[in-house]
Amino acid sequence: MLKITGKNADLIHARLTRWSLEDSSGLDGDSLTLTINSDDIDGLPPKGEKYTAFLCGVDRGEFQISRRSFSLQPRTITLVLTVAPFSVNDKTEFRARKSFSWSDATISKIVSDCVTPHGFIPVIHPLLKNIVIKHIDRTDETVQAFLRRMAKQFDAVAKPVDDKFIFAPKGMSKAASGQAIETVTLSLPAYNSPLSSDFVNVTGDLDGRFEFNGVRAFWISKDTGVRQEVQRGEDPFKPLRQDKNSKEEAEQACAAELRKIKREGRKLTITAPINPKVFAEGLIHFDASFPKLVEGMCSIDKVSFSGQGQQASSMSISATLVVEE
């Protein structure tokens, strides 16, 4: 059951016709979409209005109205809410495109410089916070676009959650808020029929586009001008196209890419009974009731819930099967 708290929440509950809730690992951002029967009412909640969403009693975070639309037949109002800060004036210029450069700066320093002026508390995972970046430029980019680009280099998540801005490796058993979340164990029911309320289905690719066991990168020595190579893992190696500025940067890039290769086994789509404790960045364990092809652990990239009225009716998960090192 979906419940929201905020101004006129009871009225929204009474007129709610359908809804969807998406929790992603950062590329698209989290969102809540509410479609409301607007017969006999003309008022609209303003942009920026805040609501906290609960799914079956589990806190799914605070959202703000960022987009509104309407239909005359049937007469409805659709509200799209996101966790990204939104205001008409954007007083702190969170969405402004700006340029800046850092040299010999830690990830912790760079993230903090970007998000602290906008009122966020930076939360950087210990595995990443002390990594030193030789040089990086923010070139005519918003905070969100720049940090997501930087996060991609480290196979990480960069996203705002309530008053925090999270920068953490993908596939960790932590929620984006930094709170520990339990690993969800999934079992196949004894009678697994699409007509059953506890139906479970998993689909996925058997073959990746590339198969690598290692990564190689190149860097140019400023002292000698010689192009040198760094390797992590074993043959066959995936080459990184762009030369790095230093040996340390090349090693960091190799480590991040190798971690991504090992984390991402096969892409999966999971349909299962609704579990409100499933969060993006969390883990799902397929137990021994599954075929060996599926059995094991996967990291959650995105989970989508939907329903009619306040009732939840479906859950779909996009994930990647973790390859053990």
Foldseek 3Di string as FASTA:
>chain_A
DKAKDFPCRVVLLVFWFKKKWKFFLAPVATKIKTKGQQPPHDDDDDFQGKMWMADVNHTPAIWTFDDWDFDVVRTIIMTMTGQPHDDPVLVLPQFFFDKDKDAQAAPLVVLCVQCVSVQADEDEDPVGRGQTDGMDMRHRGHSSVVVVVVLVLQCWGFADTHRHTATYHFQDQAFSVRHGADAAEDAADPDADPVDLFHKDKDWDPDDPDDAFKEKAWEADPVPRDIDMDIDGDPPYDYDDDHDHDPSSRVSSRVSVNQVNQQADIKMKMWGNDDSRDHASRKYAYDPNDPPSQGGMKHWRMKMWMDTSNDTRTIMTIIGGGHDD
